[in-house]
């Protein structure tokens, strides 16, 4: 089983990211879960959200204390990462991993998701675009499944659907190039 942590700020879409990732994994024929971990935080407060992906049924129903992957949507939250991450940490940043000050045994990958979101979407909506980097760097879910999940989850948002799909493709390509 693979466990994925999304770390963002309230209102940034970390919860939606985990939901879209779980739906995409399901569309790829896997079992999945998504769940948030927050209380009555205000907009802008740190928010954690999780997804689990497996090839067999997931019976575990508890908080994630050790994740395989982490996706940090806001680089100012790097020091808020308290969970152990074993495989890969993706940070939305234009910095080099060594400049972040992360103390971890996991591989750290910085991808400037914000610049692509601004270019493609016109706003700094990085939550969905970040899943493109996750797809490119982990191969856990396909871009086509993510696209289907976005259409299912965000179909009511009109042209934002296709803009988000374009953004995940661009972020995926950027993450592959920098690999």
C-alpha atoms as a PDB file:
ATOM      1  CA  UNK A   1       0.000   0.000   0.000  1.00  0.00           C
ATOM      2  CA  UNK A   2       1.198   3.504  -0.850  1.00  0.00           C
ATOM      3  CA  UNK A   3       0.288   6.398   1.421  1.00  0.00           C
ATOM      4  CA  UNK A   4       0.356   9.967   0.139  1.00  0.00           C
ATOM      5  CA  UNK A   5       0.331  13.127   2.254  1.00  0.00           C
ATOM      6  CA  UNK A   6      -0.779  16.476   0.855  1.00  0.00           C
ATOM      7  CA  UNK A   7       0.355  19.428   2.962  1.00  0.00           C
ATOM      8  CA  UNK A   8      -1.101  22.812   2.114  1.00  0.00           C
ATOM      9  CA  UNK A   9      -2.880  25.779   3.586  1.00  0.00           C
ATOM     10  CA  UNK A  10      -6.604  26.008   4.262  1.00  0.00           C
ATOM     11  CA  UNK A  11      -8.309  27.034   1.042  1.00  0.00           C
ATOM     12  CA  UNK A  12      -5.426  25.816  -1.129  1.00  0.00           C
ATOM     13  CA  UNK A  13      -7.151  22.572  -2.099  1.00  0.00           C
ATOM     14  CA  UNK A  14      -5.167  19.861  -0.308  1.00  0.00           C
ATOM     15  CA  UNK A  15      -8.372  17.958   0.480  1.00  0.00           C
ATOM     16  CA  UNK A  16      -9.545  18.125  -3.142  1.00  0.00           C
ATOM     17  CA  UNK A  17      -6.102  16.937  -4.295  1.00  0.00           C
ATOM     18  CA  UNK A  18      -6.318  13.785  -2.203  1.00  0.00           C
ATOM     19  CA  UNK A  19      -9.852  13.117  -3.450  1.00  0.00           C
ATOM     20  CA  UNK A  20      -8.860  13.542  -7.108  1.00  0.00           C
ATOM     21  CA  UNK A  21      -5.809  11.303  -6.613  1.00  0.00           C
ATOM     22  CA  UNK A  22      -7.940   8.576  -4.985  1.00  0.00           C
ATOM     23  CA  UNK A  23     -10.509   8.740  -7.796  1.00  0.00           C
ATOM     24  CA  UNK A  24      -7.713   8.574 -10.388  1.00  0.00           C
ATOM     25  CA  UNK A  25      -6.216   5.507  -8.712  1.00  0.00           C
ATOM     26  CA  UNK A  26      -9.656   3.873  -8.732  1.00  0.00           C
ATOM     27  CA  UNK A  27     -10.017   4.664 -12.443  1.00  0.00           C
ATOM     28  CA  UNK A  28      -6.637   2.979 -12.966  1.00  0.00           C
ATOM     29  CA  UNK A  29      -8.101  -0.188 -11.411  1.00  0.00           C
ATOM     30  CA  UNK A  30      -6.665   0.215  -7.924  1.00  0.00           C
ATOM     31  CA  UNK A  31      -8.232   0.481  -4.500  1.00  0.00           C
ATOM     32  CA  UNK A  32      -8.016   3.875  -2.864  1.00  0.00           C
ATOM     33  CA  UNK A  33      -9.034   6.092   0.031  1.00  0.00           C
ATOM     34  CA  UNK A  34      -8.876   9.830   0.628  1.00  0.00           C
ATOM     35  CA  UNK A  35      -9.430  11.656   3.883  1.00  0.00           C
ATOM     36  CA  UNK A  36      -8.553  15.004   5.466  1.00  0.00           C
ATOM     37  CA  UNK A  37      -7.029  15.719   8.839  1.00  0.00           C
ATOM     38  CA  UNK A  38      -8.028  19.113  10.120  1.00  0.00           C
ATOM     39  CA  UNK A  39     -10.179  20.710  12.757  1.00  0.00           C
ATOM     40  CA  UNK A  40     -11.599  24.202  12.820  1.00  0.00           C
ATOM     41  CA  UNK A  41      -8.572  25.802  11.211  1.00  0.00           C
ATOM     42  CA  UNK A  42      -8.953  29.137   9.540  1.00  0.00           C
ATOM     43  CA  UNK A  43      -8.200  29.839   5.929  1.00  0.00           C
ATOM     44  CA  UNK A  44      -4.437  29.823   5.516  1.00  0.00           C
ATOM     45  CA  UNK A  45      -3.732  27.447   8.406  1.00  0.00           C
ATOM     46  CA  UNK A  46      -1.775  24.256   7.605  1.00  0.00           C
ATOM     47  CA  UNK A  47      -4.019  21.422   6.392  1.00  0.00           C
ATOM     48  CA  UNK A  48      -3.126  17.780   5.855  1.00  0.00           C
ATOM     49  CA  UNK A  49      -4.972  15.437   3.597  1.00  0.00           C
ATOM     50  CA  UNK A  50      -4.143  11.852   2.706  1.00  0.00           C
ATOM     51  CA  UNK A  51      -4.679   9.270   0.010  1.00  0.00           C
ATOM     52  CA  UNK A  52      -4.000   5.559   0.088  1.00  0.00           C
ATOM     53  CA  UNK A  53      -3.492   3.489  -3.056  1.00  0.00           C
ATOM     54  CA  UNK A  54      -3.171  -0.284  -3.319  1.00  0.00           C
ATOM     55  CA  UNK A  55      -3.744  -3.175  -5.683  1.00  0.00           C
ATOM     56  CA  UNK A  56      -5.830  -4.921  -3.023  1.00  0.00           C
ATOM     57  CA  UNK A  57      -8.649  -3.799  -0.769  1.00  0.00           C
ATOM     58  CA  UNK A  58      -7.648  -1.241   1.856  1.00  0.00           C
ATOM     59  CA  UNK A  59      -9.052  -2.067   5.280  1.00  0.00           C
ATOM     60  CA  UNK A  60      -6.873   0.333   7.266  1.00  0.00           C
ATOM     61  CA  UNK A  61      -8.869   3.221   8.748  1.00  0.00           C
ATOM     62  CA  UNK A  62      -6.468   5.394  10.671  1.00  0.00           C
ATOM     63  CA  UNK A  63      -4.379   8.515  10.350  1.00  0.00           C
ATOM     64  CA  UNK A  64      -1.160   8.326   8.350  1.00  0.00           C
ATOM     65  CA  UNK A  65       1.963   8.609  10.489  1.00  0.00           C
ATOM     66  CA  UNK A  66       4.413   7.394   7.859  1.00  0.00           C
ATOM     67  CA  UNK A  67       3.801   8.213   4.211  1.00  0.00           C
ATOM     68  CA  UNK A  68       5.537   6.905   1.125  1.00  0.00           C
ATOM     69  CA  UNK A  69       5.061  10.235  -0.607  1.00  0.00           C
ATOM     70  CA  UNK A  70       4.432  13.832   0.426  1.00  0.00           C
ATOM     71  CA  UNK A  71       3.293  16.684  -1.787  1.00  0.00           C
ATOM     72  CA  UNK A  72       3.899  20.087  -0.218  1.00  0.00           C
ATOM     73  CA  UNK A  73       1.715  22.648  -1.972  1.00  0.00           C
ATOM     74  CA  UNK A  74       3.140  25.669  -0.128  1.00  0.00           C
ATOM     75  CA  UNK A  75       6.941  25.734   0.293  1.00  0.00           C
ATOM     76  CA  UNK A  76       6.634  27.791   3.491  1.00  0.00           C
ATOM     77  CA  UNK A  77       5.196  24.645   5.114  1.00  0.00           C
ATOM     78  CA  UNK A  78       8.323  22.524   4.627  1.00  0.00           C
ATOM     79  CA  UNK A  79       9.147  22.805   8.336  1.00  0.00           C
ATOM     80  CA  UNK A  80       5.583  21.701   9.222  1.00  0.00           C
ATOM     81  CA  UNK A  81       6.223  18.231   7.795  1.00  0.00           C
ATOM     82  CA  UNK A  82       6.128  16.074  10.924  1.00  0.00           C
ATOM     83  CA  UNK A  83       5.245  12.731   9.341  1.00  0.00           C
ATOM     84  CA  UNK A  84       8.032  10.422   8.260  1.00  0.00           C
ATOM     85  CA  UNK A  85       8.206  10.165   4.462  1.00  0.00           C
ATOM     86  CA  UNK A  86      10.055   7.154   3.078  1.00  0.00           C
ATOM     87  CA  UNK A  87      10.223   7.536  -0.709  1.00  0.00           C
ATOM     88  CA  UNK A  88       9.667  10.975  -2.221  1.00  0.00           C
ATOM     89  CA  UNK A  89       8.761  14.510  -1.182  1.00  0.00           C
ATOM     90  CA  UNK A  90       7.518  16.800  -3.958  1.00  0.00           C
ATOM     91  CA  UNK A  91       7.722  20.491  -3.077  1.00  0.00           C
ATOM     92  CA  UNK A  92       6.053  23.248  -5.060  1.00  0.00           C
ATOM     93  CA  UNK A  93       9.131  25.448  -5.276  1.00  0.00           C
ATOM     94  CA  UNK A  94      11.583  26.975  -7.710  1.00  0.00           C
ATOM     95  CA  UNK A  95      14.421  26.339  -5.252  1.00  0.00           C
ATOM     96  CA  UNK A  96      16.860  23.450  -5.206  1.00  0.00           C
ATOM     97  CA  UNK A  97      16.064  20.672  -2.719  1.00  0.00           C
ATOM     98  CA  UNK A  98      19.265  21.452  -0.790  1.00  0.00           C
ATOM     99  CA  UNK A  99      18.009  25.012  -0.181  1.00  0.00           C
ATOM    100  CA  UNK A 100      14.873  23.857   1.654  1.00  0.00           C
ATOM    101  CA  UNK A 101      16.524  22.599   4.828  1.00  0.00           C
ATOM    102  CA  UNK A 102      14.527  19.367   4.890  1.00  0.00           C
ATOM    103  CA  UNK A 103      16.023  16.668   7.067  1.00  0.00           C
ATOM    104  CA  UNK A 104      14.860  13.420   5.497  1.00  0.00           C
ATOM    105  CA  UNK A 105      16.090  10.188   3.981  1.00  0.00           C
ATOM    106  CA  UNK A 106      13.451  10.470   1.252  1.00  0.00           C
ATOM    107  CA  UNK A 107      14.278  11.856  -2.166  1.00  0.00           C
ATOM    108  CA  UNK A 108      13.231  15.520  -2.450  1.00  0.00           C
ATOM    109  CA  UNK A 109      12.073  16.957  -5.765  1.00  0.00           C
ATOM    110  CA  UNK A 110      11.233  20.626  -6.332  1.00  0.00           C
ATOM    111  CA  UNK A 111       8.850  21.476  -9.159  1.00  0.00           C
ATOM    112  CA  UNK A 112       7.737  25.053  -9.824  1.00  0.00           C
ATOM    113  CA  UNK A 113       4.041  24.226 -10.025  1.00  0.00           C
ATOM    114  CA  UNK A 114       2.951  27.781  -9.237  1.00  0.00           C
ATOM    115  CA  UNK A 115       4.517  29.214 -12.401  1.00  0.00           C
ATOM    116  CA  UNK A 116       2.720  26.647 -14.569  1.00  0.00           C
ATOM    117  CA  UNK A 117      -0.588  27.188 -12.767  1.00  0.00           C
ATOM    118  CA  UNK A 118      -0.294  30.938 -13.310  1.00  0.00           C
ATOM    119  CA  UNK A 119       0.550  30.448 -16.979  1.00  0.00           C
ATOM    120  CA  UNK A 120      -2.099  27.826 -17.781  1.00  0.00           C
ATOM    121  CA  UNK A 121      -4.905  28.498 -15.305  1.00  0.00           C
ATOM    122  CA  UNK A 122      -4.251  32.186 -14.739  1.00  0.00           C
ATOM    123  CA  UNK A 123      -4.330  31.779 -10.949  1.00  0.00           C
ATOM    124  CA  UNK A 124      -2.020  30.074  -8.436  1.00  0.00           C
ATOM    125  CA  UNK A 125      -4.246  26.981  -8.151  1.00  0.00           C
ATOM    126  CA  UNK A 126      -1.541  24.351  -7.626  1.00  0.00           C
ATOM    127  CA  UNK A 127      -3.459  21.572  -5.898  1.00  0.00           C
ATOM    128  CA  UNK A 128      -4.617  19.648  -8.974  1.00  0.00           C
ATOM    129  CA  UNK A 129      -1.545  20.484 -11.071  1.00  0.00           C
ATOM    130  CA  UNK A 130       0.658  18.956  -8.354  1.00  0.00           C
ATOM    131  CA  UNK A 131      -0.850  15.545  -9.092  1.00  0.00           C
ATOM    132  CA  UNK A 132       0.802  15.778 -12.520  1.00  0.00           C
ATOM    133  CA  UNK A 133       4.216  15.855 -10.846  1.00  0.00           C
ATOM    134  CA  UNK A 134       3.188  12.942  -8.640  1.00  0.00           C
ATOM    135  CA  UNK A 135       2.165  10.917 -11.702  1.00  0.00           C
ATOM    136  CA  UNK A 136       5.393  11.657 -13.563  1.00  0.00           C
ATOM    137  CA  UNK A 137       7.691  10.918 -10.645  1.00  0.00           C
ATOM    138  CA  UNK A 138       5.978   7.864  -9.120  1.00  0.00           C
ATOM    139  CA  UNK A 139       3.996   6.187 -11.932  1.00  0.00           C
ATOM    140  CA  UNK A 140       1.338   5.361  -9.294  1.00  0.00           C
ATOM    141  CA  UNK A 141      -1.489   6.869 -11.410  1.00  0.00           C
ATOM    142  CA  UNK A 142      -1.827   7.718 -15.083  1.00  0.00           C
ATOM    143  CA  UNK A 143      -2.421  11.164 -16.534  1.00  0.00           C
ATOM    144  CA  UNK A 144      -5.496   9.820 -18.345  1.00  0.00           C
ATOM    145  CA  UNK A 145      -7.000   8.586 -15.054  1.00  0.00           C
ATOM    146  CA  UNK A 146      -6.239  11.931 -13.398  1.00  0.00           C
ATOM    147  CA  UNK A 147      -7.937  13.711 -16.297  1.00  0.00           C
ATOM    148  CA  UNK A 148     -11.037  11.521 -15.886  1.00  0.00           C
ATOM    149  CA  UNK A 149     -11.035  12.157 -12.136  1.00  0.00           C
ATOM    150  CA  UNK A 150     -10.842  15.915 -12.689  1.00  0.00           C
ATOM    151  CA  UNK A 151     -13.775  15.782 -15.082  1.00  0.00           C
ATOM    152  CA  UNK A 152     -15.770  13.764 -12.539  1.00  0.00           C
ATOM    153  CA  UNK A 153     -14.865  15.879  -9.523  1.00  0.00           C
ATOM    154  CA  UNK A 154     -14.814  19.333 -11.133  1.00  0.00           C
ATOM    155  CA  UNK A 155     -17.219  18.970 -14.071  1.00  0.00           C
ATOM    156  CA  UNK A 156     -19.371  21.796 -12.753  1.00  0.00           C
ATOM    157  CA  UNK A 157     -16.465  24.266 -12.988  1.00  0.00           C
ATOM    158  CA  UNK A 158     -16.665  24.764 -16.765  1.00  0.00           C
ATOM    159  CA  UNK A 159     -13.440  25.807 -18.486  1.00  0.00           C
ATOM    160  CA  UNK A 160     -11.441  25.268 -15.267  1.00  0.00           C
ATOM    161  CA  UNK A 161     -11.639  21.538 -15.941  1.00  0.00           C
ATOM    162  CA  UNK A 162      -9.638  21.674 -19.168  1.00  0.00           C
ATOM    163  CA  UNK A 163      -7.268  24.291 -17.757  1.00  0.00           C
ATOM    164  CA  UNK A 164      -6.483  21.991 -14.820  1.00  0.00           C
ATOM    165  CA  UNK A 165      -5.961  19.045 -17.168  1.00  0.00           C
ATOM    166  CA  UNK A 166      -3.588  21.144 -19.275  1.00  0.00           C
ATOM    167  CA  UNK A 167      -1.765  22.165 -16.089  1.00  0.00           C
ATOM    168  CA  UNK A 168      -1.290  18.568 -14.898  1.00  0.00           C
ATOM    169  CA  UNK A 169       0.146  17.668 -18.301  1.00  0.00           C
ATOM    170  CA  UNK A 170       2.574  20.600 -18.248  1.00  0.00           C
ATOM    171  CA  UNK A 171       3.634  19.926 -14.664  1.00  0.00           C
ATOM    172  CA  UNK A 172       4.100  16.241 -15.519  1.00  0.00           C
ATOM    173  CA  UNK A 173       6.313  17.156 -18.472  1.00  0.00           C
ATOM    174  CA  UNK A 174       8.341  19.600 -16.358  1.00  0.00           C
ATOM    175  CA  UNK A 175       8.853  17.014 -13.614  1.00  0.00           C
ATOM    176  CA  UNK A 176      10.019  14.443 -16.203  1.00  0.00           C
ATOM    177  CA  UNK A 177      12.479  16.910 -17.761  1.00  0.00           C
ATOM    178  CA  UNK A 178      14.041  17.735 -14.422  1.00  0.00           C
ATOM    179  CA  UNK A 179      14.365  14.065 -13.465  1.00  0.00           C
END
